[in-house]
Amino acid sequence: MALRRAQQQAEKRADRLFLELDNRQIEDASGDWVAQVLGIHIAQRDVWVQIAPADAPRRSLLLHLSSRATATHAIVALSAWSKTPTPERVRVIEVIPHRNPARQWTRRRESDPLAA
């Protein structure tokens, strides 16, 4: 029973994230882009969202949301990522809400499995 309830809550969170992130305009230094959610995976408290520009799905990246992170936090992180110079952009963004808005997201560096 408890397992089923946890599964339902995970599905509800995934659905909510999809509705709030898919087809969302993301601010960029050179103009906005539209996000397309390619997949959402929830494992216990971790949420992984694969997302890409709608016009370039091969340029996808991963958002790793903490248990307290919301779609709004993810949008702020994507916007900050978009304003980062292209050579400095990471492929995995850790979305961790902080009290200080300037630290609304963190970038994964050394442990980034997709970093080239």
PDB file of N, CA and C in Angstrom:
ATOM      1  N   MET A   1       0.811  -1.186   0.000  1.00  0.00           N
ATOM      2  CA  MET A   1       0.000   0.000   0.000  1.00  0.00           C
ATOM      3  C   MET A   1       0.866   1.267   0.000  1.00  0.00           C
ATOM      4  N   ALA A   2       1.860   1.297   0.900  1.00  0.00           N
ATOM      5  CA  ALA A   2       2.748   2.463   0.973  1.00  0.00           C
ATOM      6  C   ALA A   2       3.563   2.602  -0.302  1.00  0.00           C
ATOM      7  N   LEU A   3       3.979   1.478  -0.871  1.00  0.00           N
ATOM      8  CA  LEU A   3       4.742   1.506  -2.116  1.00  0.00           C
ATOM      9  C   LEU A   3       3.899   2.087  -3.241  1.00  0.00           C
ATOM     10  N   ARG A   4       2.658   1.690  -3.309  1.00  0.00           N
ATOM     11  CA  ARG A   4       1.745   2.194  -4.342  1.00  0.00           C
ATOM     12  C   ARG A   4       1.534   3.696  -4.188  1.00  0.00           C
ATOM     13  N   ARG A   5       1.393   4.158  -2.942  1.00  0.00           N
ATOM     14  CA  ARG A   5       1.199   5.590  -2.695  1.00  0.00           C
ATOM     15  C   ARG A   5       2.443   6.376  -3.114  1.00  0.00           C
ATOM     16  N   ALA A   6       3.630   5.858  -2.812  1.00  0.00           N
ATOM     17  CA  ALA A   6       4.879   6.512  -3.212  1.00  0.00           C
ATOM     18  C   ALA A   6       4.977   6.574  -4.729  1.00  0.00           C
ATOM     19  N   GLN A   7       4.574   5.498  -5.396  1.00  0.00           N
ATOM     20  CA  GLN A   7       4.606   5.473  -6.859  1.00  0.00           C
ATOM     21  C   GLN A   7       3.632   6.505  -7.437  1.00  0.00           C
ATOM     22  N   GLN A   8       2.467   6.625  -6.846  1.00  0.00           N
ATOM     23  CA  GLN A   8       1.487   7.611  -7.305  1.00  0.00           C
ATOM     24  C   GLN A   8       2.000   9.031  -7.109  1.00  0.00           C
ATOM     25  N   GLN A   9       2.661   9.285  -5.983  1.00  0.00           N
ATOM     26  CA  GLN A   9       3.220  10.611  -5.737  1.00  0.00           C
ATOM     27  C   GLN A   9       4.324  10.928  -6.741  1.00  0.00           C
ATOM     28  N   ALA A  10       5.166   9.942  -7.052  1.00  0.00           N
ATOM     29  CA  ALA A  10       6.227  10.137  -8.037  1.00  0.00           C
ATOM     30  C   ALA A  10       5.635  10.438  -9.411  1.00  0.00           C
ATOM     31  N   GLU A  11       4.610   9.701  -9.795  1.00  0.00           N
ATOM     32  CA  GLU A  11       3.956   9.942 -11.086  1.00  0.00           C
ATOM     33  C   GLU A  11       3.319  11.325 -11.125  1.00  0.00           C
ATOM     34  N   LYS A  12       2.719  11.737 -10.024  1.00  0.00           N
ATOM     35  CA  LYS A  12       2.102  13.059  -9.943  1.00  0.00           C
ATOM     36  C   LYS A  12       3.162  14.155 -10.090  1.00  0.00           C
ATOM     37  N   ARG A  13       4.309  13.974  -9.439  1.00  0.00           N
ATOM     38  CA  ARG A  13       5.391  14.959  -9.547  1.00  0.00           C
ATOM     39  C   ARG A  13       5.934  15.003 -10.975  1.00  0.00           C
ATOM     40  N   ALA A  14       6.111  13.844 -11.600  1.00  0.00           N
ATOM     41  CA  ALA A  14       6.603  13.798 -12.981  1.00  0.00           C
ATOM     42  C   ALA A  14       5.618  14.488 -13.920  1.00  0.00           C
ATOM     43  N   ASP A  15       4.338  14.220 -13.754  1.00  0.00           N
ATOM     44  CA  ASP A  15       3.319  14.863 -14.600  1.00  0.00           C
ATOM     45  C   ASP A  15       3.335  16.371 -14.426  1.00  0.00           C
ATOM     46  N   ARG A  16       3.429  16.817 -13.174  1.00  0.00           N
ATOM     47  CA  ARG A  16       3.444  18.256 -12.897  1.00  0.00           C
ATOM     48  C   ARG A  16       4.671  18.922 -13.523  1.00  0.00           C
ATOM     49  N   LEU A  17       5.847  18.289 -13.365  1.00  0.00           N
ATOM     50  CA  LEU A  17       7.061  18.842 -13.968  1.00  0.00           C
ATOM     51  C   LEU A  17       6.940  18.905 -15.484  1.00  0.00           C
ATOM     52  N   PHE A  18       6.404  17.848 -16.085  1.00  0.00           N
ATOM     53  CA  PHE A  18       6.240  17.844 -17.527  1.00  0.00           C
ATOM     54  C   PHE A  18       5.343  19.004 -17.973  1.00  0.00           C
ATOM     55  N   LEU A  19       4.208  19.158 -17.318  1.00  0.00           N
ATOM     56  CA  LEU A  19       3.282  20.230 -17.686  1.00  0.00           C
ATOM     57  C   LEU A  19       3.900  21.616 -17.526  1.00  0.00           C
ATOM     58  N   GLU A  20       4.745  21.782 -16.518  1.00  0.00           N
ATOM     59  CA  GLU A  20       5.322  23.098 -16.240  1.00  0.00           C
ATOM     60  C   GLU A  20       6.590  23.388 -17.044  1.00  0.00           C
ATOM     61  N   LEU A  21       7.255  22.358 -17.571  1.00  0.00           N
ATOM     62  CA  LEU A  21       8.522  22.574 -18.287  1.00  0.00           C
ATOM     63  C   LEU A  21       8.413  22.412 -19.808  1.00  0.00           C
ATOM     64  N   ASP A  22       7.575  21.503 -20.273  1.00  0.00           N
ATOM     65  CA  ASP A  22       7.492  21.240 -21.705  1.00  0.00           C
ATOM     66  C   ASP A  22       6.885  22.439 -22.433  1.00  0.00           C
ATOM     67  N   ASN A  23       7.498  22.807 -23.542  1.00  0.00           N
ATOM     68  CA  ASN A  23       7.074  23.948 -24.369  1.00  0.00           C
ATOM     69  C   ASN A  23       7.183  25.285 -23.648  1.00  0.00           C
ATOM     70  N   ARG A  24       8.052  25.356 -22.672  1.00  0.00           N
ATOM     71  CA  ARG A  24       8.267  26.588 -21.912  1.00  0.00           C
ATOM     72  C   ARG A  24       9.365  27.408 -22.576  1.00  0.00           C
ATOM     73  N   GLN A  25       9.136  28.710 -22.702  1.00  0.00           N
ATOM     74  CA  GLN A  25      10.170  29.584 -23.241  1.00  0.00           C
ATOM     75  C   GLN A  25      11.209  29.842 -22.161  1.00  0.00           C
ATOM     76  N   ILE A  26      12.467  29.723 -22.546  1.00  0.00           N
ATOM     77  CA  ILE A  26      13.591  29.940 -21.638  1.00  0.00           C
ATOM     78  C   ILE A  26      14.357  31.158 -22.121  1.00  0.00           C
ATOM     79  N   GLU A  27      14.615  32.085 -21.195  1.00  0.00           N
ATOM     80  CA  GLU A  27      15.377  33.288 -21.546  1.00  0.00           C
ATOM     81  C   GLU A  27      16.802  32.937 -21.927  1.00  0.00           C
ATOM     82  N   ASP A  28      17.288  33.614 -22.938  1.00  0.00           N
ATOM     83  CA  ASP A  28      18.639  33.401 -23.433  1.00  0.00           C
ATOM     84  C   ASP A  28      19.225  34.769 -23.758  1.00  0.00           C
ATOM     85  N   ALA A  29      20.524  34.887 -23.742  1.00  0.00           N
ATOM     86  CA  ALA A  29      21.177  36.156 -24.049  1.00  0.00           C
ATOM     87  C   ALA A  29      20.889  36.594 -25.488  1.00  0.00           C
ATOM     88  N   SER A  30      20.735  35.641 -26.394  1.00  0.00           N
ATOM     89  CA  SER A  30      20.515  35.973 -27.808  1.00  0.00           C
ATOM     90  C   SER A  30      19.061  35.772 -28.231  1.00  0.00           C
ATOM     91  N   GLY A  31      18.172  35.586 -27.298  1.00  0.00           N
ATOM     92  CA  GLY A  31      16.764  35.356 -27.606  1.00  0.00           C
ATOM     93  C   GLY A  31      16.276  34.110 -26.898  1.00  0.00           C
ATOM     94  N   ASP A  32      14.986  33.976 -26.776  1.00  0.00           N
ATOM     95  CA  ASP A  32      14.426  32.838 -26.064  1.00  0.00           C
ATOM     96  C   ASP A  32      14.472  31.563 -26.892  1.00  0.00           C
ATOM     97  N   TRP A  33      14.428  30.433 -26.198  1.00  0.00           N
ATOM     98  CA  TRP A  33      14.295  29.138 -26.853  1.00  0.00           C
ATOM     99  C   TRP A  33      13.199  28.359 -26.150  1.00  0.00           C
ATOM    100  N   VAL A  34      12.625  27.405 -26.835  1.00  0.00           N
ATOM    101  CA  VAL A  34      11.523  26.619 -26.296  1.00  0.00           C
ATOM    102  C   VAL A  34      12.050  25.265 -25.834  1.00  0.00           C
ATOM    103  N   ALA A  35      11.750  24.925 -24.578  1.00  0.00           N
ATOM    104  CA  ALA A  35      12.207  23.668 -23.996  1.00  0.00           C
ATOM    105  C   ALA A  35      11.267  22.525 -24.369  1.00  0.00           C
ATOM    106  N   GLN A  36      11.861  21.389 -24.649  1.00  0.00           N
ATOM    107  CA  GLN A  36      11.102  20.174 -24.904  1.00  0.00           C
ATOM    108  C   GLN A  36      11.578  19.118 -23.909  1.00  0.00           C
ATOM    109  N   VAL A  37      10.657  18.593 -23.115  1.00  0.00           N
ATOM    110  CA  VAL A  37      10.999  17.544 -22.155  1.00  0.00           C
ATOM    111  C   VAL A  37      11.064  16.225 -22.914  1.00  0.00           C
ATOM    112  N   LEU A  38      12.216  15.576 -22.850  1.00  0.00           N
ATOM    113  CA  LEU A  38      12.405  14.305 -23.538  1.00  0.00           C
ATOM    114  C   LEU A  38      12.136  13.120 -22.622  1.00  0.00           C
ATOM    115  N   GLY A  39      12.285  13.326 -21.316  1.00  0.00           N
ATOM    116  CA  GLY A  39      12.029  12.244 -20.377  1.00  0.00           C
ATOM    117  C   GLY A  39      12.186  12.705 -18.949  1.00  0.00           C
ATOM    118  N   ILE A  40      11.497  12.014 -18.057  1.00  0.00           N
ATOM    119  CA  ILE A  40      11.593  12.281 -16.620  1.00  0.00           C
ATOM    120  C   ILE A  40      11.744  10.942 -15.924  1.00  0.00           C
ATOM    121  N   HIS A  41      12.737  10.874 -15.049  1.00  0.00           N
ATOM    122  CA  HIS A  41      12.981   9.650 -14.289  1.00  0.00           C
ATOM    123  C   HIS A  41      13.052  10.022 -12.812  1.00  0.00           C
ATOM    124  N   ILE A  42      12.255   9.330 -12.014  1.00  0.00           N
ATOM    125  CA  ILE A  42      12.261   9.566 -10.569  1.00  0.00           C
ATOM    126  C   ILE A  42      12.720   8.295  -9.880  1.00  0.00           C
ATOM    127  N   ALA A  43      13.779   8.440  -9.082  1.00  0.00           N
ATOM    128  CA  ALA A  43      14.314   7.322  -8.315  1.00  0.00           C
ATOM    129  C   ALA A  43      14.420   7.781  -6.864  1.00  0.00           C
ATOM    130  N   GLN A  44      13.534   7.279  -6.043  1.00  0.00           N
ATOM    131  CA  GLN A  44      13.429   7.681  -4.641  1.00  0.00           C
ATOM    132  C   GLN A  44      13.215   9.176  -4.568  1.00  0.00           C
ATOM    133  N   ARG A  45      14.174   9.936  -4.064  1.00  0.00           N
ATOM    134  CA  ARG A  45      13.989  11.388  -3.932  1.00  0.00           C
ATOM    135  C   ARG A  45      14.604  12.168  -5.086  1.00  0.00           C
ATOM    136  N   ASP A  46      15.346  11.497  -5.951  1.00  0.00           N
ATOM    137  CA  ASP A  46      16.005  12.165  -7.068  1.00  0.00           C
ATOM    138  C   ASP A  46      15.084  12.239  -8.277  1.00  0.00           C
ATOM    139  N   VAL A  47      15.116  13.388  -8.937  1.00  0.00           N
ATOM    140  CA  VAL A  47      14.358  13.564 -10.174  1.00  0.00           C
ATOM    141  C   VAL A  47      15.344  14.001 -11.253  1.00  0.00           C
ATOM    142  N   TRP A  48      15.338  13.278 -12.365  1.00  0.00           N
ATOM    143  CA  TRP A  48      16.187  13.587 -13.506  1.00  0.00           C
ATOM    144  C   TRP A  48      15.283  13.947 -14.676  1.00  0.00           C
ATOM    145  N   VAL A  49      15.515  15.116 -15.272  1.00  0.00           N
ATOM    146  CA  VAL A  49      14.719  15.558 -16.411  1.00  0.00           C
ATOM    147  C   VAL A  49      15.668  15.754 -17.586  1.00  0.00           C
ATOM    148  N   GLN A  50      15.404  15.032 -18.667  1.00  0.00           N
ATOM    149  CA  GLN A  50      16.170  15.251 -19.894  1.00  0.00           C
ATOM    150  C   GLN A  50      15.391  16.267 -20.704  1.00  0.00           C
ATOM    151  N   ILE A  51      16.063  17.340 -21.083  1.00  0.00           N
ATOM    152  CA  ILE A  51      15.402  18.459 -21.745  1.00  0.00           C
ATOM    153  C   ILE A  51      16.289  18.964 -22.873  1.00  0.00           C
ATOM    154  N   ALA A  52      15.674  19.534 -23.895  1.00  0.00           N
ATOM    155  CA  ALA A  52      16.430  20.029 -25.048  1.00  0.00           C
ATOM    156  C   ALA A  52      15.667  21.177 -25.703  1.00  0.00           C
ATOM    157  N   PRO A  53      16.377  21.968 -26.499  1.00  0.00           N
ATOM    158  CA  PRO A  53      15.649  22.946 -27.311  1.00  0.00           C
ATOM    159  C   PRO A  53      14.735  22.191 -28.283  1.00  0.00           C
ATOM    160  N   ALA A  54      13.507  22.666 -28.443  1.00  0.00           N
ATOM    161  CA  ALA A  54      12.542  21.986 -29.308  1.00  0.00           C
ATOM    162  C   ALA A  54      13.059  21.861 -30.742  1.00  0.00           C
ATOM    163  N   ASP A  55      13.854  22.841 -31.181  1.00  0.00           N
ATOM    164  CA  ASP A  55      14.354  22.803 -32.564  1.00  0.00           C
ATOM    165  C   ASP A  55      15.692  22.073 -32.689  1.00  0.00           C
ATOM    166  N   ALA A  56      16.231  21.565 -31.575  1.00  0.00           N
ATOM    167  CA  ALA A  56      17.516  20.855 -31.617  1.00  0.00           C
ATOM    168  C   ALA A  56      17.547  19.778 -30.528  1.00  0.00           C
ATOM    169  N   PRO A  57      16.724  18.736 -30.643  1.00  0.00           N
ATOM    170  CA  PRO A  57      16.643  17.733 -29.576  1.00  0.00           C
ATOM    171  C   PRO A  57      17.936  16.967 -29.320  1.00  0.00           C
ATOM    172  N   ARG A  58      18.877  16.995 -30.242  1.00  0.00           N
ATOM    173  CA  ARG A  58      20.161  16.315 -30.015  1.00  0.00           C
ATOM    174  C   ARG A  58      21.057  17.078 -29.049  1.00  0.00           C
ATOM    175  N   ARG A  59      20.708  18.318 -28.757  1.00  0.00           N
ATOM    176  CA  ARG A  59      21.492  19.129 -27.825  1.00  0.00           C
ATOM    177  C   ARG A  59      20.875  19.066 -26.424  1.00  0.00           C
ATOM    178  N   SER A  60      20.504  17.895 -26.010  1.00  0.00           N
ATOM    179  CA  SER A  60      19.830  17.754 -24.722  1.00  0.00           C
ATOM    180  C   SER A  60      20.806  17.864 -23.559  1.00  0.00           C
ATOM    181  N   LEU A  61      20.247  18.114 -22.391  1.00  0.00           N
ATOM    182  CA  LEU A  61      21.006  18.151 -21.158  1.00  0.00           C
ATOM    183  C   LEU A  61      20.136  17.554 -20.074  1.00  0.00           C
ATOM    184  N   LEU A  62      20.721  17.305 -18.927  1.00  0.00           N
ATOM    185  CA  LEU A  62      19.995  16.731 -17.798  1.00  0.00           C
ATOM    186  C   LEU A  62      19.873  17.733 -16.672  1.00  0.00           C
ATOM    187  N   LEU A  63      18.699  17.778 -16.091  1.00  0.00           N
ATOM    188  CA  LEU A  63      18.475  18.524 -14.865  1.00  0.00           C
ATOM    189  C   LEU A  63      18.345  17.500 -13.751  1.00  0.00           C
ATOM    190  N   HIS A  64      19.089  17.681 -12.684  1.00  0.00           N
ATOM    191  CA  HIS A  64      18.979  16.813 -11.510  1.00  0.00           C
ATOM    192  C   HIS A  64      18.371  17.663 -10.412  1.00  0.00           C
ATOM    193  N   LEU A  65      17.103  17.440 -10.131  1.00  0.00           N
ATOM    194  CA  LEU A  65      16.385  18.242  -9.156  1.00  0.00           C
ATOM    195  C   LEU A  65      16.438  17.609  -7.770  1.00  0.00           C
ATOM    196  N   SER A  66      16.758  18.426  -6.784  1.00  0.00           N
ATOM    197  CA  SER A  66      16.700  17.958  -5.400  1.00  0.00           C
ATOM    198  C   SER A  66      15.237  17.760  -5.017  1.00  0.00           C
ATOM    199  N   SER A  67      15.006  17.162  -3.888  1.00  0.00           N
ATOM    200  CA  SER A  67      13.634  16.879  -3.463  1.00  0.00           C
ATOM    201  C   SER A  67      12.812  18.151  -3.243  1.00  0.00           C
ATOM    202  N   ARG A  68      13.467  19.268  -2.968  1.00  0.00           N
ATOM    203  CA  ARG A  68      12.751  20.537  -2.743  1.00  0.00           C
ATOM    204  C   ARG A  68      12.670  21.404  -3.982  1.00  0.00           C
ATOM    205  N   ALA A  69      13.336  21.041  -5.046  1.00  0.00           N
ATOM    206  CA  ALA A  69      13.356  21.864  -6.256  1.00  0.00           C
ATOM    207  C   ALA A  69      12.033  21.751  -7.010  1.00  0.00           C
ATOM    208  N   THR A  70      11.606  22.864  -7.569  1.00  0.00           N
ATOM    209  CA  THR A  70      10.359  22.931  -8.329  1.00  0.00           C
ATOM    210  C   THR A  70      10.664  23.234  -9.795  1.00  0.00           C
ATOM    211  N   ALA A  71       9.629  23.240 -10.600  1.00  0.00           N
ATOM    212  CA  ALA A  71       9.791  23.611 -12.007  1.00  0.00           C
ATOM    213  C   ALA A  71      10.304  25.049 -12.127  1.00  0.00           C
ATOM    214  N   THR A  72       9.870  25.913 -11.243  1.00  0.00           N
ATOM    215  CA  THR A  72      10.353  27.302 -11.255  1.00  0.00           C
ATOM    216  C   THR A  72      11.854  27.348 -11.034  1.00  0.00           C
ATOM    217  N   HIS A  73      12.364  26.562 -10.094  1.00  0.00           N
ATOM    218  CA  HIS A  73      13.812  26.495  -9.878  1.00  0.00           C
ATOM    219  C   HIS A  73      14.509  25.982 -11.143  1.00  0.00           C
ATOM    220  N   ALA A  74      13.921  24.981 -11.780  1.00  0.00           N
ATOM    221  CA  ALA A  74      14.515  24.431 -13.008  1.00  0.00           C
ATOM    222  C   ALA A  74      14.565  25.472 -14.119  1.00  0.00           C
ATOM    223  N   ILE A  75      13.516  26.276 -14.243  1.00  0.00           N
ATOM    224  CA  ILE A  75      13.474  27.316 -15.278  1.00  0.00           C
ATOM    225  C   ILE A  75      14.543  28.371 -15.016  1.00  0.00           C
ATOM    226  N   VAL A  76      14.705  28.769 -13.756  1.00  0.00           N
ATOM    227  CA  VAL A  76      15.758  29.727 -13.389  1.00  0.00           C
ATOM    228  C   VAL A  76      17.127  29.145 -13.745  1.00  0.00           C
ATOM    229  N   ALA A  77      17.333  27.866 -13.427  1.00  0.00           N
ATOM    230  CA  ALA A  77      18.609  27.208 -13.729  1.00  0.00           C
ATOM    231  C   ALA A  77      18.854  27.136 -15.231  1.00  0.00           C
ATOM    232  N   LEU A  78      17.833  26.789 -15.998  1.00  0.00           N
ATOM    233  CA  LEU A  78      17.979  26.723 -17.463  1.00  0.00           C
ATOM    234  C   LEU A  78      18.287  28.089 -18.054  1.00  0.00           C
ATOM    235  N   SER A  79      17.651  29.116 -17.531  1.00  0.00           N
ATOM    236  CA  SER A  79      17.911  30.469 -18.019  1.00  0.00           C
ATOM    237  C   SER A  79      19.352  30.885 -17.712  1.00  0.00           C
ATOM    238  N   ALA A  80      19.814  30.612 -16.491  1.00  0.00           N
ATOM    239  CA  ALA A  80      21.202  30.932 -16.129  1.00  0.00           C
ATOM    240  C   ALA A  80      22.172  30.137 -16.995  1.00  0.00           C
ATOM    241  N   TRP A  81      21.874  28.861 -17.209  1.00  0.00           N
ATOM    242  CA  TRP A  81      22.703  28.007 -18.069  1.00  0.00           C
ATOM    243  C   TRP A  81      22.765  28.586 -19.486  1.00  0.00           C
ATOM    244  N   SER A  82      21.633  29.049 -19.987  1.00  0.00           N
ATOM    245  CA  SER A  82      21.561  29.590 -21.350  1.00  0.00           C
ATOM    246  C   SER A  82      22.382  30.860 -21.513  1.00  0.00           C
ATOM    247  N   LYS A  83      22.554  31.589 -20.425  1.00  0.00           N
ATOM    248  CA  LYS A  83      23.307  32.840 -20.469  1.00  0.00           C
ATOM    249  C   LYS A  83      24.798  32.626 -20.215  1.00  0.00           C
ATOM    250  N   THR A  84      25.180  31.386 -19.933  1.00  0.00           N
ATOM    251  CA  THR A  84      26.584  31.023 -19.721  1.00  0.00           C
ATOM    252  C   THR A  84      27.242  30.860 -21.092  1.00  0.00           C
ATOM    253  N   PRO A  85      28.473  31.323 -21.271  1.00  0.00           N
ATOM    254  CA  PRO A  85      29.149  31.117 -22.566  1.00  0.00           C
ATOM    255  C   PRO A  85      29.146  29.628 -22.949  1.00  0.00           C
ATOM    256  N   THR A  86      28.870  29.353 -24.196  1.00  0.00           N
ATOM    257  CA  THR A  86      28.721  27.975 -24.676  1.00  0.00           C
ATOM    258  C   THR A  86      29.856  27.046 -24.257  1.00  0.00           C
ATOM    259  N   PRO A  87      31.130  27.439 -24.359  1.00  0.00           N
ATOM    260  CA  PRO A  87      32.195  26.508 -23.958  1.00  0.00           C
ATOM    261  C   PRO A  87      32.170  26.142 -22.472  1.00  0.00           C
ATOM    262  N   GLU A  88      31.521  26.959 -21.654  1.00  0.00           N
ATOM    263  CA  GLU A  88      31.485  26.719 -20.210  1.00  0.00           C
ATOM    264  C   GLU A  88      30.225  25.982 -19.764  1.00  0.00           C
ATOM    265  N   ARG A  89      29.322  25.705 -20.674  1.00  0.00           N
ATOM    266  CA  ARG A  89      28.071  25.037 -20.310  1.00  0.00           C
ATOM    267  C   ARG A  89      28.311  23.572 -19.981  1.00  0.00           C
ATOM    268  N   VAL A  90      27.664  23.125 -18.935  1.00  0.00           N
ATOM    269  CA  VAL A  90      27.740  21.724 -18.525  1.00  0.00           C
ATOM    270  C   VAL A  90      26.544  20.982 -19.097  1.00  0.00           C
ATOM    271  N   ARG A  91      26.595  19.653 -19.066  1.00  0.00           N
ATOM    272  CA  ARG A  91      25.490  18.846 -19.593  1.00  0.00           C
ATOM    273  C   ARG A  91      24.566  18.343 -18.490  1.00  0.00           C
ATOM    274  N   VAL A  92      25.002  18.477 -17.240  1.00  0.00           N
ATOM    275  CA  VAL A  92      24.161  18.099 -16.103  1.00  0.00           C
ATOM    276  C   VAL A  92      24.086  19.307 -15.167  1.00  0.00           C
ATOM    277  N   ILE A  93      22.872  19.759 -14.910  1.00  0.00           N
ATOM    278  CA  ILE A  93      22.660  20.894 -14.016  1.00  0.00           C
ATOM    279  C   ILE A  93      22.028  20.381 -12.729  1.00  0.00           C
ATOM    280  N   GLU A  94      22.680  20.646 -11.621  1.00  0.00           N
ATOM    281  CA  GLU A  94      22.139  20.318 -10.304  1.00  0.00           C
ATOM    282  C   GLU A  94      21.218  21.462  -9.896  1.00  0.00           C
ATOM    283  N   VAL A  95      19.945  21.197  -9.746  1.00  0.00           N
ATOM    284  CA  VAL A  95      18.971  22.227  -9.380  1.00  0.00           C
ATOM    285  C   VAL A  95      18.675  22.073  -7.891  1.00  0.00           C
ATOM    286  N   ILE A  96      19.237  23.006  -7.121  1.00  0.00           N
ATOM    287  CA  ILE A  96      19.131  22.952  -5.665  1.00  0.00           C
ATOM    288  C   ILE A  96      18.673  24.323  -5.182  1.00  0.00           C
ATOM    289  N   PRO A  97      17.475  24.422  -4.627  1.00  0.00           N
ATOM    290  CA  PRO A  97      17.022  25.734  -4.149  1.00  0.00           C
ATOM    291  C   PRO A  97      17.853  26.209  -2.953  1.00  0.00           C
ATOM    292  N   HIS A  98      18.204  27.478  -2.982  1.00  0.00           N
ATOM    293  CA  HIS A  98      18.966  28.106  -1.902  1.00  0.00           C
ATOM    294  C   HIS A  98      18.220  29.341  -1.438  1.00  0.00           C
ATOM    295  N   ARG A  99      18.523  29.763  -0.250  1.00  0.00           N
ATOM    296  CA  ARG A  99      17.928  31.013   0.244  1.00  0.00           C
ATOM    297  C   ARG A  99      18.445  32.208  -0.534  1.00  0.00           C
ATOM    298  N   ASN A 100      19.669  32.108  -0.987  1.00  0.00           N
ATOM    299  CA  ASN A 100      20.290  33.186  -1.764  1.00  0.00           C
ATOM    300  C   ASN A 100      19.957  32.971  -3.238  1.00  0.00           C
ATOM    301  N   PRO A 101      19.125  33.844  -3.869  1.00  0.00           N
ATOM    302  CA  PRO A 101      18.731  33.645  -5.259  1.00  0.00           C
ATOM    303  C   PRO A 101      19.915  33.560  -6.230  1.00  0.00           C
ATOM    304  N   ALA A 102      21.037  34.168  -5.880  1.00  0.00           N
ATOM    305  CA  ALA A 102      22.206  34.114  -6.762  1.00  0.00           C
ATOM    306  C   ALA A 102      22.784  32.703  -6.833  1.00  0.00           C
ATOM    307  N   ARG A 103      22.436  31.840  -5.857  1.00  0.00           N
ATOM    308  CA  ARG A 103      22.942  30.465  -5.845  1.00  0.00           C
ATOM    309  C   ARG A 103      21.803  29.484  -6.104  1.00  0.00           C
ATOM    310  N   GLN A 104      20.862  29.851  -6.950  1.00  0.00           N
ATOM    311  CA  GLN A 104      19.678  29.046  -7.189  1.00  0.00           C
ATOM    312  C   GLN A 104      19.987  27.710  -7.860  1.00  0.00           C
ATOM    313  N   TRP A 105      21.126  27.590  -8.447  1.00  0.00           N
ATOM    314  CA  TRP A 105      21.483  26.339  -9.119  1.00  0.00           C
ATOM    315  C   TRP A 105      22.974  26.162  -9.024  1.00  0.00           C
ATOM    316  N   THR A 106      23.432  24.950  -9.197  1.00  0.00           N
ATOM    317  CA  THR A 106      24.857  24.678  -9.211  1.00  0.00           C
ATOM    318  C   THR A 106      25.190  23.883 -10.452  1.00  0.00           C
ATOM    319  N   ARG A 107      26.412  23.975 -10.872  1.00  0.00           N
ATOM    320  CA  ARG A 107      26.843  23.243 -12.054  1.00  0.00           C
ATOM    321  C   ARG A 107      27.718  22.082 -11.639  1.00  0.00           C
ATOM    322  N   ARG A 108      27.510  20.961 -12.239  1.00  0.00           N
ATOM    323  CA  ARG A 108      28.315  19.778 -11.951  1.00  0.00           C
ATOM    324  C   ARG A 108      29.580  19.878 -12.795  1.00  0.00           C
ATOM    325  N   ARG A 109      30.691  19.682 -12.196  1.00  0.00           N
ATOM    326  CA  ARG A 109      31.967  19.795 -12.902  1.00  0.00           C
ATOM    327  C   ARG A 109      32.661  18.440 -13.017  1.00  0.00           C
ATOM    328  N   GLU A 110      33.536  18.144 -12.071  1.00  0.00           N
ATOM    329  CA  GLU A 110      34.385  16.957 -12.164  1.00  0.00           C
ATOM    330  C   GLU A 110      33.595  15.657 -12.279  1.00  0.00           C
ATOM    331  N   SER A 111      32.467  15.579 -11.578  1.00  0.00           N
ATOM    332  CA  SER A 111      31.720  14.329 -11.562  1.00  0.00           C
ATOM    333  C   SER A 111      30.715  14.230 -12.715  1.00  0.00           C
ATOM    334  N   ASP A 112      30.745  15.163 -13.638  1.00  0.00           N
ATOM    335  CA  ASP A 112      29.808  15.180 -14.753  1.00  0.00           C
ATOM    336  C   ASP A 112      30.125  14.007 -15.690  1.00  0.00           C
ATOM    337  N   PRO A 113      29.252  12.997 -15.746  1.00  0.00           N
ATOM    338  CA  PRO A 113      29.538  11.838 -16.596  1.00  0.00           C
ATOM    339  C   PRO A 113      29.456  12.157 -18.078  1.00  0.00           C
ATOM    340  N   LEU A 114      28.875  13.309 -18.428  1.00  0.00           N
ATOM    341  CA  LEU A 114      28.742  13.650 -19.837  1.00  0.00           C
ATOM    342  C   LEU A 114      29.774  14.665 -20.296  1.00  0.00           C
ATOM    343  N   ALA A 115      30.578  15.155 -19.366  1.00  0.00           N
ATOM    344  CA  ALA A 115      31.591  16.151 -19.733  1.00  0.00           C
ATOM    345  C   ALA A 115      32.642  15.510 -20.626  1.00  0.00           C
ATOM    346  N   ALA A 116      33.001  16.242 -21.641  1.00  0.00           N
ATOM    347  CA  ALA A 116      34.008  15.711 -22.568  1.00  0.00           C
ATOM    348  C   ALA A 116      35.397  16.152 -22.181  1.00  0.00           C
TER     349      ALA A 116
END
